[in-house]
C-alpha cells in the first residue's frame, strides 16, 4: 500500500467519477499537509535505517510502558463519509481509550444465532477512514460462516480522539475485538483478525499485543514504519526525533512477539514488500512463531478478493 501511492490504496473504496473526484481531493489534501500546513516542530528528515533493529522485548509489555508523544493533535487525515449502517450489516458502538472515554462506531454483519457459536473475524479497513466500499469486500467472510466486524478508529469519520498513526489505534482494535467476542452467538475461542493496507499494518501490531486472536492475516500491510513515514511524512503526528516512536509502530522490530499464527500476503505487483515480508518472517520464526508468507497475482487492489479467500482457508486450517 505505502509504496504504490494513495490512489492505488483507495481504489477498493470507490469507482467511476466519484472515485476520481475523491482521489483528486485526497492528493490536494496531502499536498497541503506536506507543504505550508505542516506545523513547526514536526520534521520529515528522520533517519531511515537500512534494517530496523530487532527488539527482543515483548511488544505487549512495551506498549504498557510507552506513551506516544503527539506534537500535533487532531483527526485522521482522510476525507470521509457518514457511518450509516451498511447493506447486510448493522451499526454498533464500542468503547476505547483510557477509561473508555471514546465511543466509536463499528459495523457487524447480520447473522442468526444457531445452536453452535460462530467464529468471528475482526477486519481492519484500509486508509484512515471507513467507507461502504470497504464493507462490500467482507461479504465473503459472512458467506463462509463468520460473524464479521469492521471498526472505525479514533479520529476517523469525524469521531472523537486524536489520530496517532499506528499506535493508539491499536488500543481501539483490541477494544473492538472485545466487543466482537462478547456478541451473542460468537465463539470467543475462534476470533480472527485480518486487515488490508493500513489495516494490514494494524493487524500485525494487534496480533503482537494480545492473545485474543486465534490467527492473523495481514494483507499488504507495512511492517516498517520508518519506510512508511519516510514516504508519507505528512501523516506524522508524533515526535519523529525519537527513533523509538517508529520502532513501536514497526512489526519488524518486535517480530518475535506475534501471539498467534500469522499469514502475511501481498500482491505480485507490490514487489516493494518482498524484502520486508521475508525479514519479518525470518525474525518471527527465530522466536518460534508460526508464520507464512505468500504473494497473490495482482496489485494492491486487484489481488484483494483472492487474498481474502486465502485468509478464510488459513483461518479454517488453524481452527481445524
Protein backbone atom coordinates (compact mmCIF):
# COMPACT_ATOMS: atom_id res chain seq x y z
CA UNK A 1 0.00 0.00 0.00
CA UNK A 2 2.51 2.51 1.16
CA UNK A 3 4.88 2.44 -1.78
CA UNK A 4 2.45 2.44 -4.69
CA UNK A 5 0.51 5.62 -4.00
CA UNK A 6 -2.59 6.78 -2.18
CA UNK A 7 -4.74 6.50 -5.26
CA UNK A 8 -3.81 2.83 -5.55
CA UNK A 9 -4.53 2.43 -1.86
CA UNK A 10 -8.06 3.69 -2.19
CA UNK A 11 -9.21 2.08 -5.44
CA UNK A 12 -11.09 -0.54 -3.47
CA UNK A 13 -13.34 2.08 -1.88
CA UNK A 14 -14.89 3.94 -4.78
CA UNK A 15 -15.27 3.65 -8.50
CA UNK A 16 -16.02 5.77 -11.61
CA UNK A 17 -16.37 9.54 -11.44
CA UNK A 18 -16.96 9.57 -7.69
CA UNK A 19 -13.71 7.75 -7.10
CA UNK A 20 -11.75 10.04 -9.43
CA UNK A 21 -13.06 13.11 -7.65
CA UNK A 22 -12.15 11.56 -4.31
CA UNK A 23 -8.60 10.81 -5.43
CA UNK A 24 -8.10 14.35 -6.72
CA UNK A 25 -9.29 15.72 -3.40
CA UNK A 26 -7.02 13.34 -1.49
CA UNK A 27 -3.95 14.44 -3.47
CA UNK A 28 -4.73 18.10 -2.82
CA UNK A 29 -5.17 17.45 0.90
CA UNK A 30 -1.86 15.59 1.10
CA UNK A 31 -0.06 18.28 -0.86
CA UNK A 32 -1.37 20.92 1.51
CA UNK A 33 -0.40 18.97 4.60
CA UNK A 34 3.06 18.30 3.22
CA UNK A 35 3.57 21.97 2.46
CA UNK A 36 2.59 25.13 4.25
CA UNK A 37 0.17 23.48 6.68
CA UNK A 38 2.75 21.24 8.36
CA UNK A 39 3.21 22.53 11.87
CA UNK A 40 6.62 23.70 13.14
CA UNK A 41 8.40 21.07 15.21
CA UNK A 42 7.31 18.11 13.06
CA UNK A 43 10.29 17.24 10.93
CA UNK A 44 10.42 14.94 7.92
CA UNK A 45 14.15 14.30 7.64
CA UNK A 46 14.45 11.48 10.18
CA UNK A 47 16.92 8.71 9.53
CA UNK A 48 15.58 5.57 7.84
CA UNK A 49 17.68 2.56 8.88
CA UNK A 50 18.58 0.09 6.19
CA UNK A 51 17.47 -2.66 8.58
CA UNK A 52 15.42 -1.67 11.65
CA UNK A 53 16.79 -3.29 14.78
CA UNK A 54 15.22 -6.38 16.30
CA UNK A 55 13.98 -5.75 19.85
CA UNK A 56 13.69 -8.89 21.97
CA UNK A 57 11.27 -7.36 24.48
CA UNK A 58 7.64 -8.44 24.31
CA UNK A 59 5.60 -5.91 22.35
CA UNK A 60 2.58 -6.12 24.65
CA UNK A 61 4.74 -5.25 27.65
CA UNK A 62 6.48 -2.49 25.69
CA UNK A 63 3.09 -0.92 24.95
CA UNK A 64 2.25 -0.82 28.65
CA UNK A 65 5.42 1.15 29.35
CA UNK A 66 5.37 3.53 26.40
CA UNK A 67 3.14 6.52 25.66
CA UNK A 68 3.44 8.17 22.27
CA UNK A 69 4.18 11.89 22.27
CA UNK A 70 1.89 13.64 19.82
CA UNK A 71 3.14 17.01 18.63
CA UNK A 72 0.01 17.59 16.59
CA UNK A 73 -3.40 16.51 17.84
CA UNK A 74 -6.43 16.21 15.65
CA UNK A 75 -8.50 13.97 13.39
CA UNK A 76 -7.34 11.37 10.91
CA UNK A 77 -6.23 12.94 7.62
CA UNK A 78 -8.60 11.30 5.13
CA UNK A 79 -11.86 12.54 3.69
CA UNK A 80 -14.78 10.50 4.99
CA UNK A 81 -18.43 9.60 4.56
CA UNK A 82 -21.19 9.18 7.18
CA UNK A 83 -21.07 5.98 9.19
CA UNK A 84 -24.60 4.87 8.41
CA UNK A 85 -25.32 1.15 8.67
CA UNK A 86 -24.20 -0.71 5.51
CA UNK A 87 -26.26 -3.17 3.47
CA UNK A 88 -26.43 -6.57 5.19
CA UNK A 89 -24.81 -5.03 8.25
CA UNK A 90 -25.66 -3.24 11.47
CA UNK A 91 -24.13 -0.25 13.17
CA UNK A 92 -22.98 -0.84 16.73
CA UNK A 93 -20.85 1.10 19.21
CA UNK A 94 -17.81 0.15 21.22
CA UNK A 95 -15.74 2.00 23.80
CA UNK A 96 -11.99 2.57 23.78
CA UNK A 97 -9.35 4.89 25.19
CA UNK A 98 -8.32 5.48 28.78
CA UNK A 99 -11.35 4.79 30.94
CA UNK A 100 -13.46 4.12 27.85
CA UNK A 101 -13.87 7.81 27.07
CA UNK A 102 -14.10 7.17 23.32
CA UNK A 103 -17.35 5.85 21.86
CA UNK A 104 -16.65 4.59 18.34
CA UNK A 105 -18.71 3.07 15.54
CA UNK A 106 -18.31 -0.42 14.14
CA UNK A 107 -20.24 -2.37 11.53
CA UNK A 108 -21.13 -6.01 12.06
CA UNK A 109 -22.67 -8.48 9.64
CA UNK A 110 -26.26 -9.55 10.21
CA UNK A 111 -26.43 -13.14 11.40
CA UNK A 112 -28.73 -15.61 13.09
CA UNK A 113 -27.71 -17.33 16.28
CA UNK A 114 -27.58 -21.09 16.00
CA UNK A 115 -27.02 -23.96 18.37
CA UNK A 116 -23.28 -23.65 17.77
CA UNK A 117 -21.39 -20.35 18.19
CA UNK A 118 -19.96 -18.81 15.02
CA UNK A 119 -16.33 -17.80 14.54
CA UNK A 120 -15.66 -14.08 14.33
CA UNK A 121 -13.41 -12.01 12.08
CA UNK A 122 -12.32 -8.51 13.01
CA UNK A 123 -11.43 -6.85 9.71
CA UNK A 124 -9.44 -3.61 9.68
CA UNK A 125 -10.10 -1.33 6.72
CA UNK A 126 -7.50 0.38 4.55
CA UNK A 127 -6.81 4.10 4.70
CA UNK A 128 -7.65 6.40 7.59
CA UNK A 129 -11.43 6.49 7.17
CA UNK A 130 -14.07 3.76 6.95
CA UNK A 131 -16.45 3.56 4.00
CA UNK A 132 -19.04 1.36 2.36
CA UNK A 133 -16.52 0.37 -0.30
CA UNK A 134 -14.59 -1.48 2.38
CA UNK A 135 -17.69 -3.28 3.57
CA UNK A 136 -18.53 -4.78 0.17
CA UNK A 137 -15.33 -6.82 0.34
CA UNK A 138 -16.36 -8.54 3.56
CA UNK A 139 -19.39 -10.46 2.31
CA UNK A 140 -17.04 -13.34 1.55
CA UNK A 141 -16.36 -13.80 5.27
CA UNK A 142 -20.05 -13.77 6.12
CA UNK A 143 -20.80 -16.27 3.35
CA UNK A 144 -18.10 -18.52 4.81
CA UNK A 145 -19.90 -18.62 8.17
CA UNK A 146 -18.04 -15.90 10.08
CA UNK A 147 -19.54 -13.02 12.01
CA UNK A 148 -17.50 -10.13 10.62
CA UNK A 149 -17.00 -6.80 12.32
CA UNK A 150 -15.23 -3.75 10.90
CA UNK A 151 -14.42 -0.99 13.39
CA UNK A 152 -13.76 2.66 12.75
CA UNK A 153 -10.90 4.02 14.82
CA UNK A 154 -10.23 7.18 16.82
CA UNK A 155 -10.28 10.40 14.85
CA UNK A 156 -11.80 8.74 11.78
CA UNK A 157 -15.04 9.82 10.09
CA UNK A 158 -15.49 12.82 12.38
CA UNK A 159 -15.31 10.80 15.59
CA UNK A 160 -13.65 11.56 18.91
CA UNK A 161 -9.96 11.03 19.55
CA UNK A 162 -6.60 12.03 18.12
CA UNK A 163 -5.03 10.29 15.14
CA UNK A 164 -1.61 8.89 16.10
CA UNK A 165 -0.64 6.75 13.11
CA UNK A 166 -0.34 3.06 14.02
CA UNK A 167 -0.10 3.38 17.79
CA UNK A 168 -3.05 4.45 19.94
CA UNK A 169 -5.27 2.97 17.23
CA UNK A 170 -4.06 -0.47 18.33
CA UNK A 171 -5.94 0.07 21.60
CA UNK A 172 -9.08 0.66 19.56
CA UNK A 173 -8.52 -2.57 17.65
CA UNK A 174 -8.20 -4.55 20.87
CA UNK A 175 -11.29 -2.89 22.33
CA UNK A 176 -13.21 -3.70 19.15
CA UNK A 177 -12.06 -7.32 19.46
CA UNK A 178 -13.54 -7.45 22.97
CA UNK A 179 -16.82 -6.11 21.62
CA UNK A 180 -16.90 -8.74 18.89
CA UNK A 181 -16.02 -11.67 21.14
CA UNK A 182 -18.86 -10.76 23.51
CA UNK A 183 -21.54 -10.51 20.83
CA UNK A 184 -24.28 -13.14 21.30
CA UNK A 185 -23.56 -16.28 19.32
CA UNK A 186 -19.87 -15.50 18.65
CA UNK A 187 -17.29 -18.10 19.65
CA UNK A 188 -14.71 -16.22 21.73
CA UNK A 189 -12.23 -19.05 21.20
CA UNK A 190 -12.39 -18.64 17.42
CA UNK A 191 -11.71 -14.96 16.98
CA UNK A 192 -9.57 -13.99 13.98
CA UNK A 193 -8.14 -10.71 12.73
CA UNK A 194 -7.41 -9.56 9.18
CA UNK A 195 -6.86 -6.21 7.53
CA UNK A 196 -5.80 -4.56 4.31
CA UNK A 197 -3.24 -1.83 3.68
CA UNK A 198 -3.12 0.41 6.76
CA UNK A 199 -5.44 -2.14 8.32
CA UNK A 200 -2.86 -4.81 7.49
CA UNK A 201 -0.22 -2.91 9.44
CA UNK A 202 -2.55 -2.58 12.43
CA UNK A 203 -3.37 -6.29 12.15
CA UNK A 204 0.30 -7.14 12.72
CA UNK A 205 0.61 -4.81 15.70
CA UNK A 206 -2.62 -6.06 17.29
CA UNK A 207 -1.56 -9.69 16.85
CA UNK A 208 1.64 -8.87 18.76
CA UNK A 209 -0.29 -7.07 21.51
CA UNK A 210 -2.76 -9.69 22.68
CA UNK A 211 -3.65 -13.38 22.91
CA UNK A 212 -7.23 -12.60 21.87
CA UNK A 213 -6.80 -13.85 18.31
CA UNK A 214 -6.67 -17.42 17.03
CA UNK A 215 -4.83 -16.32 13.86
CA UNK A 216 -4.00 -13.14 11.94
CA UNK A 217 -3.95 -12.37 8.21
CA UNK A 218 -2.38 -9.01 7.38
CA UNK A 219 -2.83 -8.11 3.70
CA UNK A 220 -0.46 -5.60 2.09
CA UNK A 221 0.49 -4.20 5.49
CA UNK A 222 3.80 -2.45 6.03
CA UNK A 223 5.91 -3.83 8.91
CA UNK A 224 8.43 -0.96 8.67
CA UNK A 225 7.15 2.38 9.98
CA UNK A 226 10.41 4.12 9.08
CA UNK A 227 9.77 3.40 5.41
CA UNK A 228 6.09 4.24 5.58
CA UNK A 229 6.51 7.64 7.22
CA UNK A 230 9.51 8.48 5.04
CA UNK A 231 7.12 8.10 2.12
CA UNK A 232 4.26 9.95 3.87
CA UNK A 233 5.76 12.40 6.38
CA UNK A 234 2.54 14.41 6.26
CA UNK A 235 0.90 11.61 8.29
CA UNK A 236 3.35 12.05 11.19
CA UNK A 237 1.74 13.40 14.34
CA UNK A 238 4.35 12.14 16.84
CA UNK A 239 7.84 13.25 17.86
CA UNK A 240 9.92 11.94 14.97
CA UNK A 241 13.18 12.93 16.66
CA UNK A 242 12.68 9.84 18.84
CA UNK A 243 13.52 6.68 16.87
CA UNK A 244 11.57 4.57 19.36
CA UNK A 245 8.36 6.23 18.17
CA UNK A 246 8.95 4.49 14.84
CA UNK A 247 10.03 1.22 16.42
CA UNK A 248 6.80 0.80 18.40
CA UNK A 249 4.93 1.23 15.12
CA UNK A 250 7.07 -1.37 13.30
CA UNK A 251 6.21 -5.06 13.44
CA UNK A 252 9.72 -5.74 12.14
CA UNK A 253 11.21 -4.54 15.41
CA UNK A 254 9.08 -6.86 17.54
CA UNK A 255 8.64 -9.75 15.12
CA UNK A 256 9.14 -12.38 17.83
CA UNK A 257 6.10 -11.04 19.70
CA UNK A 258 3.34 -12.46 17.49
CA UNK A 259 0.96 -14.34 19.76
CA UNK A 260 -0.86 -16.41 17.16
CA UNK A 261 -0.20 -17.97 13.75
CA UNK A 262 0.22 -15.32 11.04
CA UNK A 263 -0.16 -15.33 7.28
CA UNK A 264 1.42 -12.30 5.57
CA UNK A 265 0.43 -11.71 1.95
CA UNK A 266 0.66 -9.02 -0.73
CA UNK A 267 0.16 -8.71 -4.48
CA UNK A 268 2.75 -9.76 -7.05
CA UNK A 269 2.83 -6.16 -8.30
CA UNK A 270 3.81 -4.96 -4.82
CA UNK A 271 7.42 -6.11 -5.01
CA UNK A 272 8.44 -3.33 -2.62
CA UNK A 273 7.05 -5.52 0.19
CA UNK A 274 9.16 -8.57 -0.66
CA UNK A 275 12.27 -7.83 1.40
CA UNK A 276 10.37 -6.66 4.47
CA UNK A 277 7.95 -9.60 4.40
CA UNK A 278 10.88 -12.01 4.18
CA UNK A 279 12.74 -10.33 7.03
CA UNK A 280 9.61 -10.26 9.18
CA UNK A 281 9.08 -13.98 8.64
CA UNK A 282 12.69 -14.95 9.40
CA UNK A 283 12.72 -12.90 12.58
CA UNK A 284 9.35 -14.26 13.71
CA UNK A 285 10.39 -17.87 13.07
CA UNK A 286 13.53 -17.34 15.14
CA UNK A 287 11.16 -16.62 18.02
CA UNK A 288 9.08 -19.75 17.45
CA UNK A 289 6.21 -18.01 15.65
CA UNK A 290 4.20 -19.94 13.07
CA UNK A 291 4.23 -17.60 10.10
CA UNK A 292 3.52 -17.96 6.38
CA UNK A 293 4.23 -15.50 3.57
CA UNK A 294 2.81 -15.50 0.07
CA UNK A 295 2.02 -13.34 -2.93
CA UNK A 296 -1.19 -13.29 -4.95
CA UNK A 297 -1.40 -12.28 -8.58
CA UNK A 298 -2.36 -8.63 -8.88
CA UNK A 299 -1.74 -5.21 -7.40
CA UNK A 300 -2.69 -3.51 -4.15
CA UNK A 301 -6.38 -3.69 -5.02
CA UNK A 302 -6.94 -6.35 -7.67
CA UNK A 303 -5.34 -9.08 -5.54
CA UNK A 304 -7.60 -8.38 -2.56
CA UNK A 305 -10.54 -10.73 -3.31
CA UNK A 306 -8.21 -13.72 -3.71
CA UNK A 307 -6.24 -12.67 -0.63
CA UNK A 308 -9.44 -12.62 1.43
CA UNK A 309 -10.34 -16.09 0.13
CA UNK A 310 -6.91 -17.33 1.18
CA UNK A 311 -7.29 -15.80 4.64
CA UNK A 312 -10.50 -17.76 5.08
CA UNK A 313 -8.77 -21.02 4.19
CA UNK A 314 -5.96 -20.11 6.58
CA UNK A 315 -8.39 -19.44 9.42
CA UNK A 316 -10.26 -22.68 8.81
CA UNK A 317 -6.96 -24.56 8.77
CA UNK A 318 -5.80 -23.05 12.08
CA UNK A 319 -9.14 -23.75 13.76
CA UNK A 320 -9.45 -27.34 12.46
